[in-house]
């Protein structure tokens, strides 16, 4: 192996004597650094535009999800209010006859009970 290394070394020295390296322009290194910097800046700009596009897309998806959540929540509130009104309309005469209580007391009590039931259904559950 040492013999191969010595022969390669000798070959390199012989080639250096035969061929001379061309002279570089005086501002070669500065131009090389500028071009490398320019390439890096173009790459960074392209990456920045790509990330901005991805961010805008993610933000739009979040906005759409938020609008969908608001719409579904509103639909649920309207549905629950309609169902509560229908239940109150059916249950109020029955409760008045059963308990003999005036509607001015029964209606607020029924609303409180419905509100407590609705609020209790949204309580967080703990799992162990």
N, C-alpha and C. Protein backbone atom coordinates (compact mmCIF):
# COMPACT_ATOMS: atom_id res chain seq x y z
N UNK A 1 0.83 -1.18 0.00
CA UNK A 1 0.00 0.00 0.00
C UNK A 1 0.88 1.25 0.00
N UNK A 2 1.96 1.22 0.70
CA UNK A 2 2.87 2.36 0.75
C UNK A 2 3.46 2.61 -0.63
N UNK A 3 3.69 1.54 -1.36
CA UNK A 3 4.24 1.67 -2.71
C UNK A 3 3.26 2.38 -3.63
N UNK A 4 1.95 2.06 -3.52
CA UNK A 4 0.92 2.72 -4.34
C UNK A 4 0.83 4.19 -3.96
N UNK A 5 0.92 4.47 -2.68
CA UNK A 5 0.85 5.84 -2.22
C UNK A 5 2.03 6.64 -2.76
N UNK A 6 3.22 6.06 -2.72
CA UNK A 6 4.42 6.74 -3.23
C UNK A 6 4.32 6.97 -4.72
N UNK A 7 3.81 5.99 -5.47
CA UNK A 7 3.69 6.16 -6.92
C UNK A 7 2.66 7.23 -7.26
N UNK A 8 1.53 7.28 -6.50
CA UNK A 8 0.54 8.33 -6.73
C UNK A 8 1.12 9.70 -6.39
N UNK A 9 1.89 9.75 -5.32
CA UNK A 9 2.51 11.00 -4.92
C UNK A 9 3.47 11.48 -5.99
N UNK A 10 4.25 10.55 -6.52
CA UNK A 10 5.20 10.90 -7.59
C UNK A 10 4.45 11.35 -8.84
N UNK A 11 3.35 10.69 -9.15
CA UNK A 11 2.55 11.08 -10.32
C UNK A 11 2.00 12.48 -10.15
N UNK A 12 1.50 12.79 -8.95
CA UNK A 12 0.97 14.14 -8.70
C UNK A 12 2.05 15.20 -8.86
N UNK A 13 3.23 14.93 -8.34
CA UNK A 13 4.34 15.89 -8.48
C UNK A 13 4.71 16.08 -9.94
N UNK A 14 4.73 14.99 -10.71
CA UNK A 14 5.07 15.09 -12.13
C UNK A 14 4.02 15.89 -12.88
N UNK A 15 2.74 15.64 -12.56
CA UNK A 15 1.67 16.39 -13.23
C UNK A 15 1.73 17.87 -12.87
N UNK A 16 2.07 18.18 -11.63
CA UNK A 16 2.19 19.58 -11.22
C UNK A 16 3.29 20.29 -12.00
N UNK A 17 4.35 19.58 -12.30
CA UNK A 17 5.46 20.18 -13.06
C UNK A 17 5.06 20.41 -14.51
N UNK A 18 4.22 19.50 -15.07
CA UNK A 18 3.84 19.62 -16.48
C UNK A 18 2.72 20.63 -16.66
N UNK A 19 1.72 20.52 -15.83
CA UNK A 19 0.57 21.42 -15.96
C UNK A 19 0.61 22.48 -14.88
N UNK A 20 0.32 23.67 -15.28
CA UNK A 20 0.25 24.76 -14.30
C UNK A 20 -1.21 25.14 -14.13
N UNK A 21 -1.58 25.47 -12.93
CA UNK A 21 -2.96 25.87 -12.65
C UNK A 21 -3.21 27.24 -13.27
N UNK A 22 -4.38 27.44 -13.87
CA UNK A 22 -4.66 28.75 -14.46
C UNK A 22 -4.80 29.80 -13.36
N UNK A 23 -4.48 30.98 -13.70
CA UNK A 23 -4.58 32.08 -12.72
C UNK A 23 -6.06 32.43 -12.52
N UNK A 24 -6.41 32.68 -11.29
CA UNK A 24 -7.79 33.05 -10.96
C UNK A 24 -7.92 34.57 -11.03
N UNK A 25 -9.10 35.04 -11.40
CA UNK A 25 -9.30 36.49 -11.37
C UNK A 25 -9.11 37.01 -9.95
N UNK A 26 -8.78 38.25 -9.83
CA UNK A 26 -8.48 38.82 -8.51
C UNK A 26 -9.70 38.82 -7.59
N UNK A 27 -10.88 38.97 -8.13
CA UNK A 27 -12.09 39.00 -7.30
C UNK A 27 -12.85 37.66 -7.34
N UNK A 28 -12.16 36.58 -7.66
CA UNK A 28 -12.81 35.28 -7.78
C UNK A 28 -13.46 34.84 -6.47
N UNK A 29 -12.73 34.90 -5.39
CA UNK A 29 -13.27 34.44 -4.09
C UNK A 29 -14.45 35.31 -3.65
N UNK A 30 -14.37 36.60 -3.87
CA UNK A 30 -15.46 37.48 -3.49
C UNK A 30 -16.71 37.16 -4.33
N UNK A 31 -16.54 36.95 -5.64
CA UNK A 31 -17.68 36.61 -6.49
C UNK A 31 -18.26 35.25 -6.10
N UNK A 32 -17.40 34.30 -5.77
CA UNK A 32 -17.86 32.98 -5.34
C UNK A 32 -18.69 33.10 -4.07
N UNK A 33 -18.22 33.85 -3.10
CA UNK A 33 -18.98 34.05 -1.86
C UNK A 33 -20.30 34.75 -2.13
N UNK A 34 -20.28 35.76 -3.02
CA UNK A 34 -21.52 36.48 -3.35
C UNK A 34 -22.54 35.57 -4.01
N UNK A 35 -22.06 34.71 -4.91
CA UNK A 35 -22.99 33.80 -5.59
C UNK A 35 -23.55 32.76 -4.63
N UNK A 36 -22.70 32.26 -3.75
CA UNK A 36 -23.18 31.31 -2.75
C UNK A 36 -24.21 31.97 -1.85
N UNK A 37 -23.93 33.18 -1.42
CA UNK A 37 -24.87 33.93 -0.58
C UNK A 37 -26.17 34.18 -1.32
N UNK A 38 -26.07 34.54 -2.62
CA UNK A 38 -27.26 34.79 -3.43
C UNK A 38 -28.10 33.51 -3.54
N UNK A 39 -27.46 32.36 -3.76
CA UNK A 39 -28.17 31.09 -3.84
C UNK A 39 -28.88 30.78 -2.52
N UNK A 40 -28.19 31.01 -1.42
CA UNK A 40 -28.80 30.76 -0.12
C UNK A 40 -30.00 31.67 0.10
N UNK A 41 -29.88 32.93 -0.28
CA UNK A 41 -30.98 33.87 -0.09
C UNK A 41 -32.19 33.47 -0.95
N UNK A 42 -31.93 33.01 -2.18
CA UNK A 42 -33.03 32.56 -3.03
C UNK A 42 -33.71 31.34 -2.41
N UNK A 43 -32.89 30.42 -1.86
CA UNK A 43 -33.45 29.23 -1.22
C UNK A 43 -34.27 29.64 0.00
N UNK A 44 -33.77 30.58 0.79
CA UNK A 44 -34.50 31.03 1.98
C UNK A 44 -35.79 31.74 1.59
N UNK A 45 -35.75 32.55 0.53
CA UNK A 45 -36.96 33.23 0.07
C UNK A 45 -38.01 32.22 -0.40
N UNK A 46 -37.56 31.22 -1.15
CA UNK A 46 -38.50 30.20 -1.62
C UNK A 46 -39.09 29.44 -0.44
N UNK A 47 -38.27 29.10 0.53
CA UNK A 47 -38.75 28.38 1.72
C UNK A 47 -39.72 29.25 2.53
N UNK A 48 -39.40 30.55 2.64
CA UNK A 48 -40.28 31.48 3.37
C UNK A 48 -41.64 31.57 2.69
N UNK A 49 -41.66 31.69 1.35
CA UNK A 49 -42.93 31.75 0.62
C UNK A 49 -43.72 30.46 0.80
N UNK A 50 -43.03 29.33 0.78
CA UNK A 50 -43.70 28.05 0.97
C UNK A 50 -44.30 27.95 2.37
N UNK A 51 -43.56 28.38 3.38
CA UNK A 51 -44.07 28.34 4.75
C UNK A 51 -45.23 29.31 4.94
N UNK A 52 -45.16 30.48 4.31
CA UNK A 52 -46.26 31.43 4.40
C UNK A 52 -47.53 30.88 3.75
N UNK A 53 -47.36 30.18 2.63
CA UNK A 53 -48.49 29.57 1.95
C UNK A 53 -49.11 28.48 2.83
N UNK A 54 -48.26 27.65 3.44
CA UNK A 54 -48.76 26.60 4.33
C UNK A 54 -49.47 27.20 5.54
N UNK A 55 -48.91 28.29 6.07
CA UNK A 55 -49.53 28.95 7.22
C UNK A 55 -50.90 29.51 6.84
N UNK A 56 -50.97 30.15 5.68
CA UNK A 56 -52.26 30.70 5.23
C UNK A 56 -53.29 29.60 5.02
N UNK A 57 -52.86 28.46 4.48
CA UNK A 57 -53.78 27.34 4.28
C UNK A 57 -54.26 26.79 5.63
N UNK A 58 -53.35 26.62 6.58
CA UNK A 58 -53.73 26.13 7.91
C UNK A 58 -54.67 27.11 8.60
N UNK A 59 -54.39 28.40 8.46
CA UNK A 59 -55.24 29.42 9.07
C UNK A 59 -56.64 29.40 8.46
N UNK A 60 -56.72 29.23 7.16
CA UNK A 60 -58.03 29.16 6.49
C UNK A 60 -58.81 27.93 6.95
N UNK A 61 -58.11 26.80 7.13
CA UNK A 61 -58.78 25.60 7.62
C UNK A 61 -59.30 25.81 9.05
N UNK A 62 -58.51 26.50 9.87
CA UNK A 62 -58.96 26.81 11.22
C UNK A 62 -60.19 27.71 11.21
N UNK A 63 -60.18 28.70 10.33
CA UNK A 63 -61.33 29.60 10.23
C UNK A 63 -62.57 28.86 9.78
N UNK A 64 -62.42 27.97 8.80
CA UNK A 64 -63.56 27.19 8.33
C UNK A 64 -64.10 26.29 9.45
N UNK A 65 -63.19 25.69 10.21
CA UNK A 65 -63.61 24.86 11.33
C UNK A 65 -64.34 25.67 12.39
N UNK A 66 -63.86 26.89 12.63
CA UNK A 66 -64.50 27.77 13.61
C UNK A 66 -65.91 28.16 13.16
N UNK A 67 -66.04 28.50 11.89
CA UNK A 67 -67.37 28.86 11.35
C UNK A 67 -68.31 27.66 11.44
N UNK A 68 -67.80 26.48 11.10
CA UNK A 68 -68.62 25.27 11.17
C UNK A 68 -69.05 25.01 12.63
N UNK A 69 -68.13 25.21 13.56
CA UNK A 69 -68.46 25.02 14.98
C UNK A 69 -69.51 26.02 15.44
N UNK A 70 -69.39 27.27 15.02
CA UNK A 70 -70.39 28.28 15.38
C UNK A 70 -71.76 27.93 14.80
N UNK A 71 -71.78 27.49 13.57
CA UNK A 71 -73.04 27.13 12.91
C UNK A 71 -73.69 25.95 13.61
N UNK A 72 -72.89 24.93 13.93
CA UNK A 72 -73.44 23.76 14.61
C UNK A 72 -73.94 24.11 16.01
N UNK A 73 -73.20 24.98 16.69
CA UNK A 73 -73.62 25.39 18.04
C UNK A 73 -74.94 26.17 17.97
N UNK A 74 -75.06 27.06 17.00
CA UNK A 74 -76.30 27.82 16.85
C UNK A 74 -77.46 26.89 16.53
N UNK A 75 -77.23 25.92 15.67
CA UNK A 75 -78.29 24.97 15.32
C UNK A 75 -78.71 24.17 16.55
N UNK A 76 -77.73 23.79 17.38
CA UNK A 76 -78.05 23.03 18.58
C UNK A 76 -78.86 23.89 19.56
N UNK A 77 -78.46 25.13 19.72
CA UNK A 77 -79.18 26.03 20.64
C UNK A 77 -80.62 26.24 20.18
N UNK A 78 -80.80 26.45 18.89
CA UNK A 78 -82.16 26.64 18.36
C UNK A 78 -82.98 25.37 18.54
N UNK A 79 -82.38 24.22 18.28
CA UNK A 79 -83.08 22.95 18.45
C UNK A 79 -83.47 22.68 19.89
N UNK A 80 -82.54 22.95 20.80
CA UNK A 80 -82.82 22.74 22.22
C UNK A 80 -83.90 23.72 22.69
N UNK A 81 -83.83 24.96 22.24
CA UNK A 81 -84.84 25.94 22.64
C UNK A 81 -86.21 25.54 22.12
N UNK A 82 -86.26 25.04 20.89
CA UNK A 82 -87.54 24.60 20.33
C UNK A 82 -88.08 23.41 21.10
N UNK A 83 -87.20 22.46 21.41
CA UNK A 83 -87.62 21.27 22.15
C UNK A 83 -88.07 21.64 23.56
N UNK A 84 -87.37 22.57 24.19
CA UNK A 84 -87.76 23.00 25.53
C UNK A 84 -89.11 23.71 25.49
N UNK A 85 -89.32 24.53 24.47
CA UNK A 85 -90.61 25.21 24.33
C UNK A 85 -91.74 24.23 24.11
N UNK A 86 -91.49 23.22 23.28
CA UNK A 86 -92.53 22.22 23.02
C UNK A 86 -92.83 21.41 24.28
N UNK A 87 -91.77 21.05 25.01
CA UNK A 87 -91.97 20.32 26.27
C UNK A 87 -92.73 21.17 27.27
N UNK A 88 -92.37 22.43 27.37
CA UNK A 88 -93.06 23.31 28.31
C UNK A 88 -94.52 23.47 27.93
N UNK A 89 -94.78 23.58 26.64
CA UNK A 89 -96.17 23.74 26.18
C UNK A 89 -97.00 22.50 26.53
N UNK A 90 -96.39 21.33 26.42
CA UNK A 90 -97.11 20.09 26.74
C UNK A 90 -97.17 19.83 28.24
N UNK A 91 -96.07 20.14 28.94
CA UNK A 91 -95.98 19.77 30.36
C UNK A 91 -96.65 20.79 31.28
N UNK A 92 -96.73 22.03 30.85
CA UNK A 92 -97.26 23.07 31.73
C UNK A 92 -98.70 22.80 32.18
N UNK A 93 -99.64 22.50 31.29
CA UNK A 93 -101.01 22.21 31.76
C UNK A 93 -101.06 20.98 32.67
N UNK A 94 -100.27 19.98 32.33
CA UNK A 94 -100.26 18.77 33.15
C UNK A 94 -99.73 19.06 34.55
N UNK A 95 -98.62 19.85 34.64
CA UNK A 95 -98.07 20.20 35.94
C UNK A 95 -99.03 21.08 36.74
N UNK A 96 -99.72 21.98 36.06
CA UNK A 96 -100.68 22.85 36.76
C UNK A 96 -101.83 22.03 37.34
N UNK A 97 -102.29 21.07 36.57
CA UNK A 97 -103.39 20.22 37.07
C UNK A 97 -102.90 19.29 38.18
N UNK A 98 -101.68 18.78 38.01
CA UNK A 98 -101.16 17.83 38.99
C UNK A 98 -100.84 18.50 40.32
N UNK A 99 -100.19 19.65 40.27
CA UNK A 99 -99.75 20.31 41.50
C UNK A 99 -100.70 21.43 41.93
N UNK A 100 -101.51 21.88 41.05
CA UNK A 100 -102.41 22.97 41.36
C UNK A 100 -101.67 24.28 41.57
N UNK A 101 -100.59 24.47 40.82
CA UNK A 101 -99.77 25.66 40.96
C UNK A 101 -100.04 26.57 39.78
N UNK A 102 -99.93 27.85 40.03
CA UNK A 102 -100.13 28.84 38.98
C UNK A 102 -99.00 28.76 37.95
N UNK A 103 -99.29 29.10 36.70
CA UNK A 103 -98.29 29.07 35.62
C UNK A 103 -97.16 30.05 35.83
N UNK A 104 -97.41 31.13 36.56
CA UNK A 104 -96.35 32.11 36.80
C UNK A 104 -95.24 31.51 37.65
N UNK A 105 -95.52 30.50 38.43
CA UNK A 105 -94.48 29.84 39.23
C UNK A 105 -93.95 28.62 38.50
N UNK A 106 -94.82 27.90 37.82
CA UNK A 106 -94.42 26.66 37.17
C UNK A 106 -93.45 26.91 36.01
N UNK A 107 -93.71 27.92 35.21
CA UNK A 107 -92.87 28.20 34.05
C UNK A 107 -91.43 28.54 34.43
N UNK A 108 -91.18 29.44 35.38
CA UNK A 108 -89.79 29.69 35.77
C UNK A 108 -89.12 28.47 36.39
N UNK A 109 -89.88 27.69 37.17
CA UNK A 109 -89.29 26.48 37.76
C UNK A 109 -88.92 25.48 36.67
N UNK A 110 -89.76 25.36 35.68
CA UNK A 110 -89.47 24.46 34.55
C UNK A 110 -88.26 24.95 33.77
N UNK A 111 -88.14 26.26 33.57
CA UNK A 111 -86.99 26.82 32.87
C UNK A 111 -85.70 26.58 33.65
N UNK A 112 -85.77 26.74 34.97
CA UNK A 112 -84.59 26.48 35.81
C UNK A 112 -84.20 25.02 35.73
N UNK A 113 -85.16 24.13 35.78
CA UNK A 113 -84.87 22.70 35.71
C UNK A 113 -84.24 22.34 34.36
N UNK A 114 -84.79 22.90 33.29
CA UNK A 114 -84.22 22.64 31.95
C UNK A 114 -82.81 23.21 31.85
N UNK A 115 -82.60 24.40 32.40
CA UNK A 115 -81.27 25.00 32.37
C UNK A 115 -80.26 24.20 33.17
N UNK A 116 -80.68 23.71 34.34
CA UNK A 116 -79.78 22.88 35.15
C UNK A 116 -79.45 21.57 34.44
N UNK A 117 -80.45 20.98 33.80
CA UNK A 117 -80.21 19.74 33.06
C UNK A 117 -79.26 19.97 31.89
N UNK A 118 -79.47 21.07 31.18
CA UNK A 118 -78.59 21.38 30.04
C UNK A 118 -77.18 21.69 30.53
N UNK A 119 -77.07 22.45 31.62
CA UNK A 119 -75.75 22.77 32.16
C UNK A 119 -75.03 21.55 32.67
N UNK A 120 -75.75 20.64 33.30
CA UNK A 120 -75.15 19.42 33.82
C UNK A 120 -74.66 18.52 32.70
N UNK A 121 -75.29 18.58 31.55
CA UNK A 121 -74.87 17.72 30.43
C UNK A 121 -73.53 18.20 29.84
N UNK A 122 -73.15 19.44 30.12
CA UNK A 122 -71.89 19.97 29.59
C UNK A 122 -70.75 19.94 30.60
N UNK A 123 -71.01 19.39 31.78
CA UNK A 123 -69.95 19.31 32.79
C UNK A 123 -68.86 18.35 32.30
N UNK A 124 -67.58 18.69 32.55
CA UNK A 124 -66.52 17.78 32.12
C UNK A 124 -66.55 16.49 32.94
N UNK A 125 -66.27 15.40 32.28
CA UNK A 125 -66.23 14.12 32.97
C UNK A 125 -64.80 13.78 33.31
N UNK A 126 -64.61 13.13 34.43
CA UNK A 126 -63.26 12.73 34.84
C UNK A 126 -63.15 11.23 34.65
N UNK A 127 -62.08 10.82 33.98
CA UNK A 127 -61.84 9.39 33.81
C UNK A 127 -60.57 9.03 34.55
N UNK A 128 -60.61 7.95 35.26
CA UNK A 128 -59.47 7.53 36.07
C UNK A 128 -58.74 6.43 35.39
